[in-house]
């Protein structure tokens, strides 16, 4: 019983640790840096979760959809910075990326 609980708690804690894809994905890191610089210019407080969907063709990932969740003003800035049809070169194909942006 104790071993099952220990294994379950380890599995659940690792999912929370990798909640933001910008820690290991180059495209997500680039997009997060772009969003954070614009938010710092506007000095907007709050947070936003950005979900990006890609379509892959050969060596490029093309943005097909951008969804946001969080404070309206930060999410609006984030959505305007990531355009549909924008192309990125990738190393490992990812269908979805999640970026968490916060400014205090």
PDB file of N, CA and C in Angstrom:
ATOM      1  N   UNK A   1       0.824  -1.191   0.000  1.00  0.00           N
ATOM      2  CA  UNK A   1       0.000   0.000   0.000  1.00  0.00           C
ATOM      3  C   UNK A   1       0.874   1.264   0.000  1.00  0.00           C
ATOM      4  N   UNK A   2       1.899   1.257   0.841  1.00  0.00           N
ATOM      5  CA  UNK A   2       2.780   2.416   0.914  1.00  0.00           C
ATOM      6  C   UNK A   2       3.563   2.601  -0.383  1.00  0.00           C
ATOM      7  N   UNK A   3       3.960   1.502  -1.000  1.00  0.00           N
ATOM      8  CA  UNK A   3       4.712   1.618  -2.254  1.00  0.00           C
ATOM      9  C   UNK A   3       3.832   2.155  -3.375  1.00  0.00           C
ATOM     10  N   UNK A   4       2.571   1.747  -3.413  1.00  0.00           N
ATOM     11  CA  UNK A   4       1.650   2.275  -4.427  1.00  0.00           C
ATOM     12  C   UNK A   4       1.440   3.772  -4.244  1.00  0.00           C
ATOM     13  N   UNK A   5       1.283   4.194  -3.007  1.00  0.00           N
ATOM     14  CA  UNK A   5       1.104   5.614  -2.727  1.00  0.00           C
ATOM     15  C   UNK A   5       2.352   6.410  -3.103  1.00  0.00           C
ATOM     16  N   UNK A   6       3.514   5.870  -2.824  1.00  0.00           N
ATOM     17  CA  UNK A   6       4.773   6.537  -3.153  1.00  0.00           C
ATOM     18  C   UNK A   6       4.942   6.678  -4.663  1.00  0.00           C
ATOM     19  N   UNK A   7       4.661   5.624  -5.396  1.00  0.00           N
ATOM     20  CA  UNK A   7       4.774   5.669  -6.862  1.00  0.00           C
ATOM     21  C   UNK A   7       3.776   6.653  -7.449  1.00  0.00           C
ATOM     22  N   UNK A   8       2.551   6.640  -6.944  1.00  0.00           N
ATOM     23  CA  UNK A   8       1.525   7.560  -7.438  1.00  0.00           C
ATOM     24  C   UNK A   8       1.900   9.013  -7.163  1.00  0.00           C
ATOM     25  N   UNK A   9       2.418   9.294  -5.978  1.00  0.00           N
ATOM     26  CA  UNK A   9       2.804  10.669  -5.657  1.00  0.00           C
ATOM     27  C   UNK A   9       3.985  11.135  -6.503  1.00  0.00           C
ATOM     28  N   UNK A  10       4.912  10.257  -6.818  1.00  0.00           N
ATOM     29  CA  UNK A  10       6.035  10.624  -7.683  1.00  0.00           C
ATOM     30  C   UNK A  10       5.574  10.919  -9.107  1.00  0.00           C
ATOM     31  N   UNK A  11       4.646  10.135  -9.607  1.00  0.00           N
ATOM     32  CA  UNK A  11       4.133  10.369 -10.958  1.00  0.00           C
ATOM     33  C   UNK A  11       3.380  11.685 -11.057  1.00  0.00           C
ATOM     34  N   UNK A  12       2.585  12.001 -10.063  1.00  0.00           N
ATOM     35  CA  UNK A  12       1.816  13.242 -10.096  1.00  0.00           C
ATOM     36  C   UNK A  12       2.697  14.468  -9.910  1.00  0.00           C
ATOM     37  N   UNK A  13       3.735  14.361  -9.125  1.00  0.00           N
ATOM     38  CA  UNK A  13       4.604  15.518  -8.895  1.00  0.00           C
ATOM     39  C   UNK A  13       5.467  15.830 -10.115  1.00  0.00           C
ATOM     40  N   UNK A  14       5.824  14.843 -10.924  1.00  0.00           N
ATOM     41  CA  UNK A  14       6.650  15.110 -12.100  1.00  0.00           C
ATOM     42  C   UNK A  14       5.861  15.830 -13.179  1.00  0.00           C
ATOM     43  N   UNK A  15       4.558  15.612 -13.269  1.00  0.00           N
ATOM     44  CA  UNK A  15       3.745  16.312 -14.254  1.00  0.00           C
ATOM     45  C   UNK A  15       3.670  17.802 -13.952  1.00  0.00           C
ATOM     46  N   UNK A  16       3.598  18.165 -12.698  1.00  0.00           N
ATOM     47  CA  UNK A  16       3.535  19.577 -12.338  1.00  0.00           C
ATOM     48  C   UNK A  16       4.871  20.265 -12.584  1.00  0.00           C
ATOM     49  N   UNK A  17       5.943  19.529 -12.488  1.00  0.00           N
ATOM     50  CA  UNK A  17       7.272  20.111 -12.689  1.00  0.00           C
ATOM     51  C   UNK A  17       7.486  20.521 -14.147  1.00  0.00           C
ATOM     52  N   UNK A  18       6.971  19.777 -15.094  1.00  0.00           N
ATOM     53  CA  UNK A  18       7.165  20.049 -16.519  1.00  0.00           C
ATOM     54  C   UNK A  18       5.946  20.728 -17.124  1.00  0.00           C
ATOM     55  N   UNK A  19       5.332  21.649 -16.399  1.00  0.00           N
ATOM     56  CA  UNK A  19       4.111  22.280 -16.878  1.00  0.00           C
ATOM     57  C   UNK A  19       4.378  23.281 -17.993  1.00  0.00           C
ATOM     58  N   UNK A  20       5.557  23.876 -18.025  1.00  0.00           N
ATOM     59  CA  UNK A  20       5.894  24.873 -19.035  1.00  0.00           C
ATOM     60  C   UNK A  20       6.888  24.268 -20.017  1.00  0.00           C
ATOM     61  N   UNK A  21       6.560  24.303 -21.304  1.00  0.00           N
ATOM     62  CA  UNK A  21       7.406  23.686 -22.319  1.00  0.00           C
ATOM     63  C   UNK A  21       8.641  24.514 -22.662  1.00  0.00           C
ATOM     64  N   UNK A  22       8.731  25.745 -22.197  1.00  0.00           N
ATOM     65  CA  UNK A  22       9.869  26.590 -22.554  1.00  0.00           C
ATOM     66  C   UNK A  22      11.159  26.158 -21.855  1.00  0.00           C
ATOM     67  N   UNK A  23      11.060  25.279 -20.880  1.00  0.00           N
ATOM     68  CA  UNK A  23      12.264  24.808 -20.190  1.00  0.00           C
ATOM     69  C   UNK A  23      13.095  23.892 -21.073  1.00  0.00           C
ATOM     70  N   UNK A  24      12.462  23.170 -22.002  1.00  0.00           N
ATOM     71  CA  UNK A  24      13.204  22.204 -22.816  1.00  0.00           C
ATOM     72  C   UNK A  24      12.975  22.349 -24.313  1.00  0.00           C
ATOM     73  N   UNK A  25      12.009  23.142 -24.752  1.00  0.00           N
ATOM     74  CA  UNK A  25      11.729  23.294 -26.173  1.00  0.00           C
ATOM     75  C   UNK A  25      12.234  24.651 -26.657  1.00  0.00           C
ATOM     76  N   UNK A  26      12.991  24.661 -27.749  1.00  0.00           N
ATOM     77  CA  UNK A  26      13.618  25.883 -28.260  1.00  0.00           C
ATOM     78  C   UNK A  26      12.568  26.860 -28.792  1.00  0.00           C
ATOM     79  N   UNK A  27      11.565  26.355 -29.495  1.00  0.00           N
ATOM     80  CA  UNK A  27      10.519  27.222 -30.050  1.00  0.00           C
ATOM     81  C   UNK A  27       9.741  27.893 -28.920  1.00  0.00           C
ATOM     82  N   UNK A  28       9.375  27.131 -27.905  1.00  0.00           N
ATOM     83  CA  UNK A  28       8.636  27.689 -26.774  1.00  0.00           C
ATOM     84  C   UNK A  28       9.467  28.724 -26.028  1.00  0.00           C
ATOM     85  N   UNK A  29      10.762  28.479 -25.913  1.00  0.00           N
ATOM     86  CA  UNK A  29      11.651  29.430 -25.234  1.00  0.00           C
ATOM     87  C   UNK A  29      11.711  30.753 -26.000  1.00  0.00           C
ATOM     88  N   UNK A  30      11.790  30.669 -27.331  1.00  0.00           N
ATOM     89  CA  UNK A  30      11.839  31.867 -28.165  1.00  0.00           C
ATOM     90  C   UNK A  30      10.533  32.662 -28.070  1.00  0.00           C
ATOM     91  N   UNK A  31       9.402  31.959 -28.125  1.00  0.00           N
ATOM     92  CA  UNK A  31       8.108  32.635 -28.045  1.00  0.00           C
ATOM     93  C   UNK A  31       7.876  33.244 -26.664  1.00  0.00           C
ATOM     94  N   UNK A  32       8.284  32.546 -25.618  1.00  0.00           N
ATOM     95  CA  UNK A  32       8.113  33.075 -24.265  1.00  0.00           C
ATOM     96  C   UNK A  32       8.946  34.337 -24.063  1.00  0.00           C
ATOM     97  N   UNK A  33      10.162  34.359 -24.590  1.00  0.00           N
ATOM     98  CA  UNK A  33      11.007  35.549 -24.473  1.00  0.00           C
ATOM     99  C   UNK A  33      10.383  36.728 -25.208  1.00  0.00           C
ATOM    100  N   UNK A  34       9.812  36.473 -26.372  1.00  0.00           N
ATOM    101  CA  UNK A  34       9.156  37.528 -27.149  1.00  0.00           C
ATOM    102  C   UNK A  34       7.957  38.103 -26.388  1.00  0.00           C
ATOM    103  N   UNK A  35       7.161  37.227 -25.789  1.00  0.00           N
ATOM    104  CA  UNK A  35       5.981  37.669 -25.041  1.00  0.00           C
ATOM    105  C   UNK A  35       6.392  38.435 -23.791  1.00  0.00           C
ATOM    106  N   UNK A  36       7.388  37.935 -23.073  1.00  0.00           N
ATOM    107  CA  UNK A  36       7.808  38.589 -21.831  1.00  0.00           C
ATOM    108  C   UNK A  36       8.380  39.978 -22.068  1.00  0.00           C
ATOM    109  N   UNK A  37       9.084  40.196 -23.176  1.00  0.00           N
ATOM    110  CA  UNK A  37       9.609  41.537 -23.445  1.00  0.00           C
ATOM    111  C   UNK A  37       8.481  42.521 -23.716  1.00  0.00           C
ATOM    112  N   UNK A  38       7.456  42.110 -24.439  1.00  0.00           N
ATOM    113  CA  UNK A  38       6.330  43.006 -24.712  1.00  0.00           C
ATOM    114  C   UNK A  38       5.523  43.294 -23.449  1.00  0.00           C
ATOM    115  N   UNK A  39       5.336  42.286 -22.607  1.00  0.00           N
ATOM    116  CA  UNK A  39       4.590  42.491 -21.361  1.00  0.00           C
ATOM    117  C   UNK A  39       5.360  43.429 -20.438  1.00  0.00           C
ATOM    118  N   UNK A  40       6.674  43.311 -20.411  1.00  0.00           N
ATOM    119  CA  UNK A  40       7.489  44.204 -19.582  1.00  0.00           C
ATOM    120  C   UNK A  40       7.404  45.643 -20.085  1.00  0.00           C
ATOM    121  N   UNK A  41       7.314  45.836 -21.415  1.00  0.00           N
ATOM    122  CA  UNK A  41       7.171  47.190 -21.966  1.00  0.00           C
ATOM    123  C   UNK A  41       5.857  47.824 -21.537  1.00  0.00           C
ATOM    124  N   UNK A  42       4.785  47.033 -21.532  1.00  0.00           N
ATOM    125  CA  UNK A  42       3.465  47.550 -21.164  1.00  0.00           C
ATOM    126  C   UNK A  42       3.237  47.549 -19.657  1.00  0.00           C
ATOM    127  N   UNK A  43       4.128  46.904 -18.908  1.00  0.00           N
ATOM    128  CA  UNK A  43       4.047  46.751 -17.446  1.00  0.00           C
ATOM    129  C   UNK A  43       2.656  46.295 -17.000  1.00  0.00           C
ATOM    130  N   UNK A  44       2.229  45.148 -17.540  1.00  0.00           N
ATOM    131  CA  UNK A  44       0.930  44.576 -17.204  1.00  0.00           C
ATOM    132  C   UNK A  44       1.094  43.518 -16.112  1.00  0.00           C
ATOM    133  N   UNK A  45       0.329  43.617 -15.018  1.00  0.00           N
ATOM    134  CA  UNK A  45       0.402  42.581 -13.982  1.00  0.00           C
ATOM    135  C   UNK A  45      -0.534  41.419 -14.307  1.00  0.00           C
ATOM    136  N   UNK A  46      -0.166  40.219 -13.856  1.00  0.00           N
ATOM    137  CA  UNK A  46      -1.036  39.058 -14.033  1.00  0.00           C
ATOM    138  C   UNK A  46      -0.318  37.889 -14.665  1.00  0.00           C
ATOM    139  N   UNK A  47      -1.111  36.947 -15.189  1.00  0.00           N
ATOM    140  CA  UNK A  47      -0.543  35.748 -15.807  1.00  0.00           C
ATOM    141  C   UNK A  47      -1.360  35.366 -17.030  1.00  0.00           C
ATOM    142  N   UNK A  48      -0.775  34.508 -17.866  1.00  0.00           N
ATOM    143  CA  UNK A  48      -1.475  33.979 -19.031  1.00  0.00           C
ATOM    144  C   UNK A  48      -0.868  32.626 -19.404  1.00  0.00           C
ATOM    145  N   UNK A  49      -1.723  31.668 -19.687  1.00  0.00           N
ATOM    146  CA  UNK A  49      -1.302  30.376 -20.224  1.00  0.00           C
ATOM    147  C   UNK A  49      -1.595  30.389 -21.709  1.00  0.00           C
ATOM    148  N   UNK A  50      -0.583  30.176 -22.521  1.00  0.00           N
ATOM    149  CA  UNK A  50      -0.720  30.205 -23.975  1.00  0.00           C
ATOM    150  C   UNK A  50      -0.561  28.780 -24.495  1.00  0.00           C
ATOM    151  N   UNK A  51      -1.550  28.327 -25.272  1.00  0.00           N
ATOM    152  CA  UNK A  51      -1.520  27.001 -25.880  1.00  0.00           C
ATOM    153  C   UNK A  51      -1.404  27.180 -27.386  1.00  0.00           C
ATOM    154  N   UNK A  52      -0.370  26.594 -27.984  1.00  0.00           N
ATOM    155  CA  UNK A  52      -0.095  26.770 -29.408  1.00  0.00           C
ATOM    156  C   UNK A  52      -0.177  25.412 -30.091  1.00  0.00           C
ATOM    157  N   UNK A  53      -0.923  25.358 -31.197  1.00  0.00           N
ATOM    158  CA  UNK A  53      -1.040  24.129 -31.978  1.00  0.00           C
ATOM    159  C   UNK A  53      -0.262  24.298 -33.273  1.00  0.00           C
ATOM    160  N   UNK A  54       0.503  23.275 -33.648  1.00  0.00           N
ATOM    161  CA  UNK A  54       1.344  23.317 -34.839  1.00  0.00           C
ATOM    162  C   UNK A  54       0.919  22.268 -35.853  1.00  0.00           C
ATOM    163  N   UNK A  55       1.216  22.569 -37.113  1.00  0.00           N
ATOM    164  CA  UNK A  55       1.123  21.602 -38.198  1.00  0.00           C
ATOM    165  C   UNK A  55       2.539  21.479 -38.754  1.00  0.00           C
ATOM    166  N   UNK A  56       2.983  20.268 -39.030  1.00  0.00           N
ATOM    167  CA  UNK A  56       4.364  20.048 -39.445  1.00  0.00           C
ATOM    168  C   UNK A  56       4.450  19.754 -40.933  1.00  0.00           C
ATOM    169  N   UNK A  57       5.448  20.364 -41.573  1.00  0.00           N
ATOM    170  CA  UNK A  57       5.754  20.068 -42.968  1.00  0.00           C
ATOM    171  C   UNK A  57       7.273  20.054 -43.108  1.00  0.00           C
ATOM    172  N   UNK A  58       7.810  18.901 -43.435  1.00  0.00           N
ATOM    173  CA  UNK A  58       9.262  18.680 -43.550  1.00  0.00           C
ATOM    174  C   UNK A  58       9.981  19.140 -42.287  1.00  0.00           C
ATOM    175  N   UNK A  59      10.726  20.239 -42.357  1.00  0.00           N
ATOM    176  CA  UNK A  59      11.526  20.686 -41.219  1.00  0.00           C
ATOM    177  C   UNK A  59      10.938  21.900 -40.516  1.00  0.00           C
ATOM    178  N   UNK A  60       9.732  22.299 -40.873  1.00  0.00           N
ATOM    179  CA  UNK A  60       9.119  23.488 -40.287  1.00  0.00           C
ATOM    180  C   UNK A  60       7.844  23.130 -39.531  1.00  0.00           C
ATOM    181  N   UNK A  61       7.639  23.821 -38.425  1.00  0.00           N
ATOM    182  CA  UNK A  61       6.388  23.740 -37.680  1.00  0.00           C
ATOM    183  C   UNK A  61       5.631  25.031 -37.960  1.00  0.00           C
ATOM    184  N   UNK A  62       4.373  24.917 -38.393  1.00  0.00           N
ATOM    185  CA  UNK A  62       3.560  26.072 -38.762  1.00  0.00           C
ATOM    186  C   UNK A  62       2.461  26.238 -37.717  1.00  0.00           C
ATOM    187  N   UNK A  63       2.301  27.445 -37.193  1.00  0.00           N
ATOM    188  CA  UNK A  63       1.290  27.724 -36.177  1.00  0.00           C
ATOM    189  C   UNK A  63      -0.091  27.675 -36.828  1.00  0.00           C
ATOM    190  N   UNK A  64      -0.986  26.853 -36.271  1.00  0.00           N
ATOM    191  CA  UNK A  64      -2.349  26.773 -36.794  1.00  0.00           C
ATOM    192  C   UNK A  64      -3.370  27.382 -35.848  1.00  0.00           C
ATOM    193  N   UNK A  65      -3.115  27.323 -34.525  1.00  0.00           N
ATOM    194  CA  UNK A  65      -4.092  27.842 -33.571  1.00  0.00           C
ATOM    195  C   UNK A  65      -3.379  28.319 -32.317  1.00  0.00           C
ATOM    196  N   UNK A  66      -3.876  29.416 -31.745  1.00  0.00           N
ATOM    197  CA  UNK A  66      -3.343  29.935 -30.484  1.00  0.00           C
ATOM    198  C   UNK A  66      -4.517  30.153 -29.539  1.00  0.00           C
ATOM    199  N   UNK A  67      -4.501  29.474 -28.397  1.00  0.00           N
ATOM    200  CA  UNK A  67      -5.522  29.646 -27.364  1.00  0.00           C
ATOM    201  C   UNK A  67      -4.860  30.189 -26.112  1.00  0.00           C
ATOM    202  N   UNK A  68      -5.594  30.999 -25.369  1.00  0.00           N
ATOM    203  CA  UNK A  68      -5.048  31.581 -24.146  1.00  0.00           C
ATOM    204  C   UNK A  68      -6.033  31.412 -23.003  1.00  0.00           C
ATOM    205  N   UNK A  69      -5.491  31.503 -21.794  1.00  0.00           N
ATOM    206  CA  UNK A  69      -6.298  31.415 -20.591  1.00  0.00           C
ATOM    207  C   UNK A  69      -5.599  32.244 -19.522  1.00  0.00           C
ATOM    208  N   UNK A  70      -6.309  33.215 -18.945  1.00  0.00           N
ATOM    209  CA  UNK A  70      -5.708  34.052 -17.915  1.00  0.00           C
ATOM    210  C   UNK A  70      -6.230  35.474 -17.993  1.00  0.00           C
ATOM    211  N   UNK A  71      -5.399  36.433 -17.586  1.00  0.00           N
ATOM    212  CA  UNK A  71      -5.786  37.845 -17.599  1.00  0.00           C
ATOM    213  C   UNK A  71      -5.929  38.350 -19.032  1.00  0.00           C
ATOM    214  N   UNK A  72      -6.991  39.102 -19.273  1.00  0.00           N
ATOM    215  CA  UNK A  72      -7.357  39.495 -20.633  1.00  0.00           C
ATOM    216  C   UNK A  72      -6.264  40.286 -21.341  1.00  0.00           C
ATOM    217  N   UNK A  73      -5.703  41.289 -20.691  1.00  0.00           N
ATOM    218  CA  UNK A  73      -4.737  42.164 -21.363  1.00  0.00           C
ATOM    219  C   UNK A  73      -3.446  41.426 -21.729  1.00  0.00           C
ATOM    220  N   UNK A  74      -2.947  40.608 -20.824  1.00  0.00           N
ATOM    221  CA  UNK A  74      -1.725  39.853 -21.114  1.00  0.00           C
ATOM    222  C   UNK A  74      -1.978  38.835 -22.213  1.00  0.00           C
ATOM    223  N   UNK A  75      -3.126  38.172 -22.164  1.00  0.00           N
ATOM    224  CA  UNK A  75      -3.450  37.174 -23.189  1.00  0.00           C
ATOM    225  C   UNK A  75      -3.650  37.830 -24.552  1.00  0.00           C
ATOM    226  N   UNK A  76      -4.194  39.031 -24.569  1.00  0.00           N
ATOM    227  CA  UNK A  76      -4.381  39.751 -25.833  1.00  0.00           C
ATOM    228  C   UNK A  76      -3.027  40.084 -26.457  1.00  0.00           C
ATOM    229  N   UNK A  77      -2.090  40.559 -25.655  1.00  0.00           N
ATOM    230  CA  UNK A  77      -0.742  40.853 -26.147  1.00  0.00           C
ATOM    231  C   UNK A  77      -0.079  39.571 -26.653  1.00  0.00           C
ATOM    232  N   UNK A  78      -0.243  38.483 -25.919  1.00  0.00           N
ATOM    233  CA  UNK A  78       0.365  37.203 -26.304  1.00  0.00           C
ATOM    234  C   UNK A  78      -0.188  36.695 -27.624  1.00  0.00           C
ATOM    235  N   UNK A  79      -1.503  36.800 -27.805  1.00  0.00           N
ATOM    236  CA  UNK A  79      -2.125  36.311 -29.037  1.00  0.00           C
ATOM    237  C   UNK A  79      -1.694  37.130 -30.249  1.00  0.00           C
ATOM    238  N   UNK A  80      -1.518  38.428 -30.068  1.00  0.00           N
ATOM    239  CA  UNK A  80      -1.119  39.277 -31.191  1.00  0.00           C
ATOM    240  C   UNK A  80       0.336  39.047 -31.599  1.00  0.00           C
ATOM    241  N   UNK A  81       1.164  38.558 -30.695  1.00  0.00           N
ATOM    242  CA  UNK A  81       2.571  38.329 -31.014  1.00  0.00           C
ATOM    243  C   UNK A  81       2.807  37.031 -31.774  1.00  0.00           C
ATOM    244  N   UNK A  82       1.918  36.055 -31.602  1.00  0.00           N
ATOM    245  CA  UNK A  82       2.070  34.762 -32.274  1.00  0.00           C
ATOM    246  C   UNK A  82       1.052  34.705 -33.408  1.00  0.00           C
ATOM    247  N   UNK A  83       1.531  34.766 -34.633  1.00  0.00           N
ATOM    248  CA  UNK A  83       0.657  34.829 -35.808  1.00  0.00           C
ATOM    249  C   UNK A  83       0.382  33.436 -36.361  1.00  0.00           C
ATOM    250  N   UNK A  84      -0.815  33.246 -36.885  1.00  0.00           N
ATOM    251  CA  UNK A  84      -1.128  32.015 -37.604  1.00  0.00           C
ATOM    252  C   UNK A  84      -0.299  31.978 -38.876  1.00  0.00           C
ATOM    253  N   UNK A  85       0.211  30.816 -39.212  1.00  0.00           N
ATOM    254  CA  UNK A  85       1.027  30.667 -40.409  1.00  0.00           C
ATOM    255  C   UNK A  85       2.499  30.942 -40.196  1.00  0.00           C
ATOM    256  N   UNK A  86       2.888  31.362 -39.002  1.00  0.00           N
ATOM    257  CA  UNK A  86       4.297  31.624 -38.702  1.00  0.00           C
ATOM    258  C   UNK A  86       5.061  30.298 -38.669  1.00  0.00           C
ATOM    259  N   UNK A  87       6.259  30.275 -39.274  1.00  0.00           N
ATOM    260  CA  UNK A  87       7.040  29.043 -39.394  1.00  0.00           C
ATOM    261  C   UNK A  87       8.235  29.062 -38.450  1.00  0.00           C
ATOM    262  N   UNK A  88       8.523  27.893 -37.898  1.00  0.00           N
ATOM    263  CA  UNK A  88       9.682  27.702 -37.036  1.00  0.00           C
ATOM    264  C   UNK A  88      10.366  26.401 -37.424  1.00  0.00           C
ATOM    265  N   UNK A  89      11.698  26.399 -37.395  1.00  0.00           N
ATOM    266  CA  UNK A  89      12.438  25.145 -37.578  1.00  0.00           C
ATOM    267  C   UNK A  89      12.450  24.420 -36.235  1.00  0.00           C
ATOM    268  N   UNK A  90      12.356  23.102 -36.289  1.00  0.00           N
ATOM    269  CA  UNK A  90      12.308  22.331 -35.058  1.00  0.00           C
ATOM    270  C   UNK A  90      13.275  21.162 -35.102  1.00  0.00           C
ATOM    271  N   UNK A  91      13.608  20.659 -33.918  1.00  0.00           N
ATOM    272  CA  UNK A  91      14.445  19.466 -33.794  1.00  0.00           C
ATOM    273  C   UNK A  91      13.587  18.241 -33.517  1.00  0.00           C
ATOM    274  N   UNK A  92      12.648  18.383 -32.599  1.00  0.00           N
ATOM    275  CA  UNK A  92      11.710  17.303 -32.303  1.00  0.00           C
ATOM    276  C   UNK A  92      10.302  17.817 -32.566  1.00  0.00           C
ATOM    277  N   UNK A  93       9.490  17.079 -33.310  1.00  0.00           N
ATOM    278  CA  UNK A  93       8.144  17.557 -33.633  1.00  0.00           C
ATOM    279  C   UNK A  93       7.226  17.540 -32.412  1.00  0.00           C
ATOM    280  N   UNK A  94       6.529  18.640 -32.215  1.00  0.00           N
ATOM    281  CA  UNK A  94       5.548  18.771 -31.139  1.00  0.00           C
ATOM    282  C   UNK A  94       4.257  19.303 -31.737  1.00  0.00           C
ATOM    283  N   UNK A  95       3.158  18.663 -31.433  1.00  0.00           N
ATOM    284  CA  UNK A  95       1.856  19.113 -31.935  1.00  0.00           C
ATOM    285  C   UNK A  95       1.368  20.316 -31.135  1.00  0.00           C
ATOM    286  N   UNK A  96       1.535  20.275 -29.809  1.00  0.00           N
ATOM    287  CA  UNK A  96       1.068  21.344 -28.931  1.00  0.00           C
ATOM    288  C   UNK A  96       2.205  21.832 -28.041  1.00  0.00           C
ATOM    289  N   UNK A  97       2.196  23.131 -27.751  1.00  0.00           N
ATOM    290  CA  UNK A  97       3.114  23.721 -26.777  1.00  0.00           C
ATOM    291  C   UNK A  97       2.301  24.513 -25.766  1.00  0.00           C
ATOM    292  N   UNK A  98       2.768  24.518 -24.524  1.00  0.00           N
ATOM    293  CA  UNK A  98       2.130  25.300 -23.472  1.00  0.00           C
ATOM    294  C   UNK A  98       3.177  26.229 -22.888  1.00  0.00           C
ATOM    295  N   UNK A  99       2.826  27.510 -22.816  1.00  0.00           N
ATOM    296  CA  UNK A  99       3.731  28.510 -22.261  1.00  0.00           C
ATOM    297  C   UNK A  99       2.994  29.246 -21.151  1.00  0.00           C
ATOM    298  N   UNK A 100       3.617  29.360 -19.992  1.00  0.00           N
ATOM    299  CA  UNK A 100       3.051  30.106 -18.870  1.00  0.00           C
ATOM    300  C   UNK A 100       3.838  31.400 -18.720  1.00  0.00           C
ATOM    301  N   UNK A 101       3.144  32.526 -18.808  1.00  0.00           N
ATOM    302  CA  UNK A 101       3.774  33.837 -18.699  1.00  0.00           C
ATOM    303  C   UNK A 101       3.157  34.557 -17.508  1.00  0.00           C
ATOM    304  N   UNK A 102       4.003  35.071 -16.626  1.00  0.00           N
ATOM    305  CA  UNK A 102       3.519  35.797 -15.456  1.00  0.00           C
ATOM    306  C   UNK A 102       4.344  37.058 -15.266  1.00  0.00           C
ATOM    307  N   UNK A 103       3.671  38.107 -14.823  1.00  0.00           N
ATOM    308  CA  UNK A 103       4.336  39.376 -14.554  1.00  0.00           C
ATOM    309  C   UNK A 103       3.723  39.948 -13.284  1.00  0.00           C
ATOM    310  N   UNK A 104       4.566  40.336 -12.334  1.00  0.00           N
ATOM    311  CA  UNK A 104       4.061  40.864 -11.066  1.00  0.00           C
ATOM    312  C   UNK A 104       4.312  42.317 -10.915  1.00  0.00           C
TER     313      UNK A 104
END
